[in-house]
Amino acid sequence: RQLELRPCADLRELIGSLRAARRRGCEFVL
């Protein structure tokens, strides 16, 4: 398995990263 780390400075960025995970087919999120 591979890991990717996304630091998010604010809530908007966190939500955007969750949506991007959906588009990219991420298998799991921490």
Full PDB file with SEQRES, HELIX, SHEET, SSBOND, CRYST1, ORIGX, SCALE, CONECT and MASTER records, all heavy atoms in Angstrom:
SEQRES   1 A   30  ARG GLN LEU GLU LEU ARG PRO CYS ALA ASP LEU ARG GLU          
SEQRES   2 A   30  LEU ILE GLY SER LEU ARG ALA ALA ARG ARG ARG GLY CYS          
SEQRES   3 A   30  GLU PHE VAL LEU                                              
HELIX    1 AA1 LEU A   11  ARG A   24  1                                  14    
CRYST1    1.000    1.000    1.000  90.00  90.00  90.00 P 1           1          
ORIGX1      1.000000  0.000000  0.000000        0.00000                         
ORIGX2      0.000000  1.000000  0.000000        0.00000                         
ORIGX3      0.000000  0.000000  1.000000        0.00000                         
SCALE1      1.000000  0.000000  0.000000        0.00000                         
SCALE2      0.000000  1.000000  0.000000        0.00000                         
SCALE3      0.000000  0.000000  1.000000        0.00000                         
ATOM      1  N   ARG A   1       0.845  -1.199   0.000  1.00  0.00           N  
ATOM      2  CA  ARG A   1       0.000   0.000   0.000  1.00  0.00           C  
ATOM      3  C   ARG A   1       0.881   1.249   0.000  1.00  0.00           C  
ATOM      4  O   ARG A   1       2.015   1.232   0.461  1.00  0.00           O  
ATOM      5  CB  ARG A   1      -0.917   0.040   1.227  1.00  0.00           C  
ATOM      6  CG  ARG A   1      -1.832  -1.129   1.340  1.00  0.00           C  
ATOM      7  CD  ARG A   1      -2.840  -1.111   0.236  1.00  0.00           C  
ATOM      8  NE  ARG A   1      -3.690  -2.295   0.346  1.00  0.00           N  
ATOM      9  CZ  ARG A   1      -4.742  -2.488  -0.384  1.00  0.00           C  
ATOM     10  NH1 ARG A   1      -5.115  -1.615  -1.264  1.00  0.00           N  
ATOM     11  NH2 ARG A   1      -5.450  -3.584  -0.251  1.00  0.00           N  
ATOM     12  N   GLN A   2       0.309   2.314  -0.525  1.00  0.00           N  
ATOM     13  CA  GLN A   2       0.987   3.603  -0.554  1.00  0.00           C  
ATOM     14  C   GLN A   2       0.254   4.584   0.354  1.00  0.00           C  
ATOM     15  O   GLN A   2      -0.958   4.507   0.502  1.00  0.00           O  
ATOM     16  CB  GLN A   2       1.019   4.166  -1.974  1.00  0.00           C  
ATOM     17  CG  GLN A   2       1.782   3.317  -2.955  1.00  0.00           C  
ATOM     18  CD  GLN A   2       3.248   3.206  -2.588  1.00  0.00           C  
ATOM     19  OE1 GLN A   2       3.908   4.186  -2.269  1.00  0.00           O  
ATOM     20  NE2 GLN A   2       3.766   1.986  -2.620  1.00  0.00           N  
ATOM     21  N   LEU A   3       0.998   5.512   0.937  1.00  0.00           N  
ATOM     22  CA  LEU A   3       0.422   6.579   1.753  1.00  0.00           C  
ATOM     23  C   LEU A   3       0.643   7.914   1.077  1.00  0.00           C  
ATOM     24  O   LEU A   3       1.677   8.133   0.435  1.00  0.00           O  
ATOM     25  CB  LEU A   3       1.090   6.651   3.125  1.00  0.00           C  
ATOM     26  CG  LEU A   3       0.830   5.552   4.131  1.00  0.00           C  
ATOM     27  CD1 LEU A   3       1.555   5.860   5.436  1.00  0.00           C  
ATOM     28  CD2 LEU A   3      -0.643   5.379   4.393  1.00  0.00           C  
ATOM     29  N   GLU A   4      -0.316   8.787   1.236  1.00  0.00           N  
ATOM     30  CA  GLU A   4      -0.160  10.175   0.814  1.00  0.00           C  
ATOM     31  C   GLU A   4      -0.603  11.044   1.975  1.00  0.00           C  
ATOM     32  O   GLU A   4      -1.628  10.780   2.598  1.00  0.00           O  
ATOM     33  CB  GLU A   4      -1.012  10.482  -0.409  1.00  0.00           C  
ATOM     34  CG  GLU A   4      -0.847  11.909  -0.880  1.00  0.00           C  
ATOM     35  CD  GLU A   4      -1.699  12.259  -2.080  1.00  0.00           C  
ATOM     36  OE1 GLU A   4      -2.146  11.337  -2.790  1.00  0.00           O  
ATOM     37  OE2 GLU A   4      -1.920  13.458  -2.306  1.00  0.00           O  
ATOM     38  N   LEU A   5       0.171  12.071   2.260  1.00  0.00           N  
ATOM     39  CA  LEU A   5      -0.127  12.996   3.346  1.00  0.00           C  
ATOM     40  C   LEU A   5      -0.567  14.331   2.768  1.00  0.00           C  
ATOM     41  O   LEU A   5       0.113  14.886   1.908  1.00  0.00           O  
ATOM     42  CB  LEU A   5       1.110  13.193   4.225  1.00  0.00           C  
ATOM     43  CG  LEU A   5       0.998  14.208   5.350  1.00  0.00           C  
ATOM     44  CD1 LEU A   5      -0.067  13.798   6.352  1.00  0.00           C  
ATOM     45  CD2 LEU A   5       2.352  14.370   6.025  1.00  0.00           C  
ATOM     46  N   ARG A   6      -1.702  14.824   3.219  1.00  0.00           N  
ATOM     47  CA  ARG A   6      -2.215  16.134   2.805  1.00  0.00           C  
ATOM     48  C   ARG A   6      -2.440  16.998   4.038  1.00  0.00           C  
ATOM     49  O   ARG A   6      -3.427  16.835   4.734  1.00  0.00           O  
ATOM     50  CB  ARG A   6      -3.553  15.980   2.090  1.00  0.00           C  
ATOM     51  CG  ARG A   6      -3.463  15.374   0.739  1.00  0.00           C  
ATOM     52  CD  ARG A   6      -3.138  16.482  -0.228  1.00  0.00           C  
ATOM     53  NE  ARG A   6      -2.820  15.924  -1.499  1.00  0.00           N  
ATOM     54  CZ  ARG A   6      -3.400  16.300  -2.605  1.00  0.00           C  
ATOM     55  NH1 ARG A   6      -4.328  17.209  -2.596  1.00  0.00           N  
ATOM     56  NH2 ARG A   6      -3.028  15.783  -3.751  1.00  0.00           N  
ATOM     57  N   PRO A   7      -1.554  17.936   4.324  1.00  0.00           N  
ATOM     58  CA  PRO A   7      -1.823  18.875   5.406  1.00  0.00           C  
ATOM     59  C   PRO A   7      -2.860  19.897   4.932  1.00  0.00           C  
ATOM     60  O   PRO A   7      -2.831  20.337   3.781  1.00  0.00           O  
ATOM     61  CB  PRO A   7      -0.476  19.533   5.672  1.00  0.00           C  
ATOM     62  CG  PRO A   7       0.353  19.264   4.461  1.00  0.00           C  
ATOM     63  CD  PRO A   7      -0.230  18.088   3.750  1.00  0.00           C  
ATOM     64  N   CYS A   8      -3.784  20.252   5.807  1.00  0.00           N  
ATOM     65  CA  CYS A   8      -4.866  21.181   5.463  1.00  0.00           C  
ATOM     66  C   CYS A   8      -4.842  22.351   6.440  1.00  0.00           C  
ATOM     67  O   CYS A   8      -4.981  22.156   7.650  1.00  0.00           O  
ATOM     68  CB  CYS A   8      -6.213  20.476   5.517  1.00  0.00           C  
ATOM     69  SG  CYS A   8      -6.333  19.061   4.394  1.00  0.00           S  
ATOM     70  N   ALA A   9      -4.696  23.548   5.927  1.00  0.00           N  
ATOM     71  CA  ALA A   9      -4.574  24.735   6.758  1.00  0.00           C  
ATOM     72  C   ALA A   9      -5.905  25.202   7.328  1.00  0.00           C  
ATOM     73  O   ALA A   9      -5.942  25.850   8.364  1.00  0.00           O  
ATOM     74  CB  ALA A   9      -3.926  25.867   5.957  1.00  0.00           C  
ATOM     75  N   ASP A  10      -6.994  24.893   6.633  1.00  0.00           N  
ATOM     76  CA  ASP A  10      -8.298  25.337   7.108  1.00  0.00           C  
ATOM     77  C   ASP A  10      -9.368  24.328   6.713  1.00  0.00           C  
ATOM     78  O   ASP A  10      -9.096  23.356   6.003  1.00  0.00           O  
ATOM     79  CB  ASP A  10      -8.634  26.739   6.587  1.00  0.00           C  
ATOM     80  CG  ASP A  10      -8.612  26.842   5.075  1.00  0.00           C  
ATOM     81  OD1 ASP A  10      -8.930  25.846   4.384  1.00  0.00           O  
ATOM     82  OD2 ASP A  10      -8.293  27.925   4.562  1.00  0.00           O  
ATOM     83  N   LEU A  11     -10.582  24.569   7.196  1.00  0.00           N  
ATOM     84  CA  LEU A  11     -11.670  23.631   6.960  1.00  0.00           C  
ATOM     85  C   LEU A  11     -12.000  23.503   5.481  1.00  0.00           C  
ATOM     86  O   LEU A  11     -12.266  22.402   4.992  1.00  0.00           O  
ATOM     87  CB  LEU A  11     -12.907  24.066   7.747  1.00  0.00           C  
ATOM     88  CG  LEU A  11     -14.098  23.130   7.703  1.00  0.00           C  
ATOM     89  CD1 LEU A  11     -13.737  21.753   8.233  1.00  0.00           C  
ATOM     90  CD2 LEU A  11     -15.260  23.726   8.474  1.00  0.00           C  
ATOM     91  N   ARG A  12     -11.959  24.585   4.770  1.00  0.00           N  
ATOM     92  CA  ARG A  12     -12.250  24.553   3.335  1.00  0.00           C  
ATOM     93  C   ARG A  12     -11.275  23.625   2.597  1.00  0.00           C  
ATOM     94  O   ARG A  12     -11.667  22.841   1.738  1.00  0.00           O  
ATOM     95  CB  ARG A  12     -12.188  25.965   2.772  1.00  0.00           C  
ATOM     96  CG  ARG A  12     -12.596  26.067   1.360  1.00  0.00           C  
ATOM     97  CD  ARG A  12     -12.558  27.499   0.916  1.00  0.00           C  
ATOM     98  NE  ARG A  12     -13.170  27.616  -0.383  1.00  0.00           N  
ATOM     99  CZ  ARG A  12     -13.378  28.730  -1.005  1.00  0.00           C  
ATOM    100  NH1 ARG A  12     -13.058  29.871  -0.441  1.00  0.00           N  
ATOM    101  NH2 ARG A  12     -13.917  28.750  -2.177  1.00  0.00           N  
ATOM    102  N   GLU A  13     -10.019  23.717   2.949  1.00  0.00           N  
ATOM    103  CA  GLU A  13      -9.004  22.858   2.330  1.00  0.00           C  
ATOM    104  C   GLU A  13      -9.215  21.390   2.714  1.00  0.00           C  
ATOM    105  O   GLU A  13      -9.061  20.491   1.880  1.00  0.00           O  
ATOM    106  CB  GLU A  13      -7.612  23.320   2.764  1.00  0.00           C  
ATOM    107  CG  GLU A  13      -6.490  22.684   1.999  1.00  0.00           C  
ATOM    108  CD  GLU A  13      -5.140  23.275   2.361  1.00  0.00           C  
ATOM    109  OE1 GLU A  13      -5.074  24.369   2.966  1.00  0.00           O  
ATOM    110  OE2 GLU A  13      -4.141  22.615   2.029  1.00  0.00           O  
ATOM    111  N   LEU A  14      -9.604  21.127   3.954  1.00  0.00           N  
ATOM    112  CA  LEU A  14      -9.882  19.766   4.393  1.00  0.00           C  
ATOM    113  C   LEU A  14     -11.041  19.169   3.600  1.00  0.00           C  
ATOM    114  O   LEU A  14     -10.959  18.050   3.096  1.00  0.00           O  
ATOM    115  CB  LEU A  14     -10.195  19.752   5.888  1.00  0.00           C  
ATOM    116  CG  LEU A  14     -10.444  18.392   6.514  1.00  0.00           C  
ATOM    117  CD1 LEU A  14      -9.139  17.616   6.637  1.00  0.00           C  
ATOM    118  CD2 LEU A  14     -11.086  18.555   7.878  1.00  0.00           C  
ATOM    119  N   ILE A  15     -12.104  19.942   3.434  1.00  0.00           N  
ATOM    120  CA  ILE A  15     -13.269  19.481   2.672  1.00  0.00           C  
ATOM    121  C   ILE A  15     -12.889  19.266   1.210  1.00  0.00           C  
ATOM    122  O   ILE A  15     -13.264  18.258   0.603  1.00  0.00           O  
ATOM    123  CB  ILE A  15     -14.434  20.479   2.818  1.00  0.00           C  
ATOM    124  CG1 ILE A  15     -14.951  20.429   4.257  1.00  0.00           C  
ATOM    125  CG2 ILE A  15     -15.544  20.184   1.814  1.00  0.00           C  
ATOM    126  CD1 ILE A  15     -15.876  21.567   4.623  1.00  0.00           C  
ATOM    127  N   GLY A  16     -12.126  20.166   0.640  1.00  0.00           N  
ATOM    128  CA  GLY A  16     -11.662  20.010  -0.739  1.00  0.00           C  
ATOM    129  C   GLY A  16     -10.817  18.762  -0.916  1.00  0.00           C  
ATOM    130  O   GLY A  16     -10.930  18.058  -1.921  1.00  0.00           O  
ATOM    131  N   SER A  17      -9.986  18.458   0.065  1.00  0.00           N  
ATOM    132  CA  SER A  17      -9.146  17.257  -0.007  1.00  0.00           C  
ATOM    133  C   SER A  17      -9.982  15.984   0.099  1.00  0.00           C  
ATOM    134  O   SER A  17      -9.673  14.987  -0.551  1.00  0.00           O  
ATOM    135  CB  SER A  17      -8.085  17.286   1.088  1.00  0.00           C  
ATOM    136  OG  SER A  17      -7.171  18.342   0.856  1.00  0.00           O  
ATOM    137  N   LEU A  18     -11.040  16.013   0.905  1.00  0.00           N  
ATOM    138  CA  LEU A  18     -11.955  14.863   0.962  1.00  0.00           C  
ATOM    139  C   LEU A  18     -12.629  14.646  -0.390  1.00  0.00           C  
ATOM    140  O   LEU A  18     -12.740  13.517  -0.862  1.00  0.00           O  
ATOM    141  CB  LEU A  18     -13.021  15.074   2.036  1.00  0.00           C  
ATOM    142  CG  LEU A  18     -12.599  14.789   3.469  1.00  0.00           C  
ATOM    143  CD1 LEU A  18     -13.635  15.321   4.445  1.00  0.00           C  
ATOM    144  CD2 LEU A  18     -12.364  13.314   3.664  1.00  0.00           C  
ATOM    145  N   ARG A  19     -13.058  15.707  -1.008  1.00  0.00           N  
ATOM    146  CA  ARG A  19     -13.705  15.588  -2.321  1.00  0.00           C  
ATOM    147  C   ARG A  19     -12.717  15.110  -3.384  1.00  0.00           C  
ATOM    148  O   ARG A  19     -13.065  14.317  -4.257  1.00  0.00           O  
ATOM    149  CB  ARG A  19     -14.348  16.910  -2.704  1.00  0.00           C  
ATOM    150  CG  ARG A  19     -15.555  17.187  -1.831  1.00  0.00           C  
ATOM    151  CD  ARG A  19     -16.340  18.376  -2.288  1.00  0.00           C  
ATOM    152  NE  ARG A  19     -17.557  18.446  -1.491  1.00  0.00           N  
ATOM    153  CZ  ARG A  19     -17.973  19.541  -0.877  1.00  0.00           C  
ATOM    154  NH1 ARG A  19     -17.300  20.663  -0.993  1.00  0.00           N  
ATOM    155  NH2 ARG A  19     -19.082  19.513  -0.172  1.00  0.00           N  
ATOM    156  N   ALA A  20     -11.484  15.574  -3.301  1.00  0.00           N  
ATOM    157  CA  ALA A  20     -10.456  15.117  -4.247  1.00  0.00           C  
ATOM    158  C   ALA A  20     -10.166  13.635  -4.049  1.00  0.00           C  
ATOM    159  O   ALA A  20      -9.926  12.912  -5.020  1.00  0.00           O  
ATOM    160  CB  ALA A  20      -9.175  15.942  -4.069  1.00  0.00           C  
ATOM    161  N   ALA A  21     -10.211  13.164  -2.806  1.00  0.00           N  
ATOM    162  CA  ALA A  21      -9.996  11.734  -2.534  1.00  0.00           C  
ATOM    163  C   ALA A  21     -11.066  10.906  -3.239  1.00  0.00           C  
ATOM    164  O   ALA A  21     -10.784   9.839  -3.765  1.00  0.00           O  
ATOM    165  CB  ALA A  21     -10.024  11.473  -1.030  1.00  0.00           C  
ATOM    166  N   ARG A  22     -12.266  11.411  -3.264  1.00  0.00           N  
ATOM    167  CA  ARG A  22     -13.361  10.705  -3.947  1.00  0.00           C  
ATOM    168  C   ARG A  22     -13.074  10.607  -5.436  1.00  0.00           C  
ATOM    169  O   ARG A  22     -13.200   9.550  -6.034  1.00  0.00           O  
ATOM    170  CB  ARG A  22     -14.687  11.428  -3.696  1.00  0.00           C  
ATOM    171  CG  ARG A  22     -15.861  10.768  -4.390  1.00  0.00           C  
ATOM    172  CD  ARG A  22     -17.130  11.573  -4.232  1.00  0.00           C  
ATOM    173  NE  ARG A  22     -17.018  12.801  -4.988  1.00  0.00           N  
ATOM    174  CZ  ARG A  22     -17.453  13.978  -4.572  1.00  0.00           C  
ATOM    175  NH1 ARG A  22     -18.016  14.116  -3.411  1.00  0.00           N  
ATOM    176  NH2 ARG A  22     -17.326  15.030  -5.332  1.00  0.00           N  
ATOM    177  N   ARG A  23     -12.665  11.701  -6.027  1.00  0.00           N  
ATOM    178  CA  ARG A  23     -12.401  11.711  -7.475  1.00  0.00           C  
ATOM    179  C   ARG A  23     -11.227  10.818  -7.849  1.00  0.00           C  
ATOM    180  O   ARG A  23     -11.200  10.251  -8.928  1.00  0.00           O  
ATOM    181  CB  ARG A  23     -12.135  13.140  -7.954  1.00  0.00           C  
ATOM    182  CG  ARG A  23     -13.363  14.024  -7.961  1.00  0.00           C  
ATOM    183  CD  ARG A  23     -13.088  15.353  -8.622  1.00  0.00           C  
ATOM    184  NE  ARG A  23     -11.999  16.094  -8.024  1.00  0.00           N  
ATOM    185  CZ  ARG A  23     -12.132  16.953  -6.998  1.00  0.00           C  
ATOM    186  NH1 ARG A  23     -13.295  17.170  -6.457  1.00  0.00           N  
ATOM    187  NH2 ARG A  23     -11.080  17.594  -6.539  1.00  0.00           N  
ATOM    188  N   ARG A  24     -10.261  10.695  -6.974  1.00  0.00           N  
ATOM    189  CA  ARG A  24      -9.053   9.925  -7.279  1.00  0.00           C  
ATOM    190  C   ARG A  24      -9.155   8.464  -6.866  1.00  0.00           C  
ATOM    191  O   ARG A  24      -8.208   7.709  -7.054  1.00  0.00           O  
ATOM    192  CB  ARG A  24      -7.859  10.585  -6.600  1.00  0.00           C  
ATOM    193  CG  ARG A  24      -7.572  11.931  -7.247  1.00  0.00           C  
ATOM    194  CD  ARG A  24      -6.500  12.737  -6.611  1.00  0.00           C  
ATOM    195  NE  ARG A  24      -5.480  12.003  -5.937  1.00  0.00           N  
ATOM    196  CZ  ARG A  24      -4.776  12.503  -4.935  1.00  0.00           C  
ATOM    197  NH1 ARG A  24      -5.017  13.694  -4.486  1.00  0.00           N  
ATOM    198  NH2 ARG A  24      -3.845  11.783  -4.380  1.00  0.00           N  
ATOM    199  N   GLY A  25     -10.272   8.061  -6.305  1.00  0.00           N  
ATOM    200  CA  GLY A  25     -10.441   6.657  -5.962  1.00  0.00           C  
ATOM    201  C   GLY A  25      -9.608   6.192  -4.785  1.00  0.00           C  
ATOM    202  O   GLY A  25      -9.149   5.053  -4.769  1.00  0.00           O  
ATOM    203  N   CYS A  26      -9.428   7.020  -3.805  1.00  0.00           N  
ATOM    204  CA  CYS A  26      -8.681   6.658  -2.610  1.00  0.00           C  
ATOM    205  C   CYS A  26      -9.355   5.466  -1.921  1.00  0.00           C  
ATOM    206  O   CYS A  26     -10.572   5.410  -1.809  1.00  0.00           O  
ATOM    207  CB  CYS A  26      -8.644   7.864  -1.679  1.00  0.00           C  
ATOM    208  SG  CYS A  26      -7.761   7.581  -0.169  1.00  0.00           S  
ATOM    209  N   GLU A  27      -8.566   4.504  -1.458  1.00  0.00           N  
ATOM    210  CA  GLU A  27      -9.108   3.299  -0.835  1.00  0.00           C  
ATOM    211  C   GLU A  27      -9.435   3.469   0.645  1.00  0.00           C  
ATOM    212  O   GLU A  27     -10.258   2.732   1.179  1.00  0.00           O  
ATOM    213  CB  GLU A  27      -8.125   2.144  -0.980  1.00  0.00           C  
ATOM    214  CG  GLU A  27      -7.946   1.685  -2.407  1.00  0.00           C  
ATOM    215  CD  GLU A  27      -6.979   0.543  -2.459  1.00  0.00           C  
ATOM    216  OE1 GLU A  27      -5.754   0.806  -2.488  1.00  0.00           O  
ATOM    217  OE2 GLU A  27      -7.444  -0.611  -2.470  1.00  0.00           O  
ATOM    218  N   PHE A  28      -8.787   4.398   1.310  1.00  0.00           N  
ATOM    219  CA  PHE A  28      -8.994   4.573   2.744  1.00  0.00           C  
ATOM    220  C   PHE A  28      -8.481   5.949   3.141  1.00  0.00           C  
ATOM    221  O   PHE A  28      -7.530   6.448   2.548  1.00  0.00           O  
ATOM    222  CB  PHE A  28      -8.204   3.507   3.522  1.00  0.00           C  
ATOM    223  CG  PHE A  28      -8.869   3.076   4.793  1.00  0.00           C  
ATOM    224  CD1 PHE A  28      -9.609   1.913   4.833  1.00  0.00           C  
ATOM    225  CD2 PHE A  28      -8.773   3.839   5.945  1.00  0.00           C  
ATOM    226  CE1 PHE A  28     -10.229   1.508   5.998  1.00  0.00           C  
ATOM    227  CE2 PHE A  28      -9.386   3.458   7.108  1.00  0.00           C  
ATOM    228  CZ  PHE A  28     -10.120   2.275   7.141  1.00  0.00           C  
ATOM    229  N   VAL A  29      -9.105   6.559   4.161  1.00  0.00           N  
ATOM    230  CA  VAL A  29      -8.687   7.877   4.643  1.00  0.00           C  
ATOM    231  C   VAL A  29      -8.464   7.817   6.148  1.00  0.00           C  
ATOM    232  O   VAL A  29      -9.290   7.263   6.882  1.00  0.00           O  
ATOM    233  CB  VAL A  29      -9.752   8.956   4.325  1.00  0.00           C  
ATOM    234  CG1 VAL A  29      -9.390  10.301   4.968  1.00  0.00           C  
ATOM    235  CG2 VAL A  29      -9.926   9.118   2.824  1.00  0.00           C  
ATOM    236  N   LEU A  30      -7.349   8.375   6.586  1.00  0.00           N  
ATOM    237  CA  LEU A  30      -7.122   8.655   7.997  1.00  0.00           C  
ATOM    238  C   LEU A  30      -7.340  10.151   8.157  1.00  0.00           C  
ATOM    239  O   LEU A  30      -6.625  10.952   7.557  1.00  0.00           O  
ATOM    240  CB  LEU A  30      -5.708   8.268   8.434  1.00  0.00           C  
ATOM    241  CG  LEU A  30      -5.295   6.810   8.232  1.00  0.00           C  
ATOM    242  CD1 LEU A  30      -3.900   6.574   8.795  1.00  0.00           C  
ATOM    243  CD2 LEU A  30      -6.288   5.853   8.851  1.00  0.00           C  
TER     244      LEU A  30                                                      
MASTER        0    0    0    1    0    0    0    6  243    1    0    3          
END                                                                             
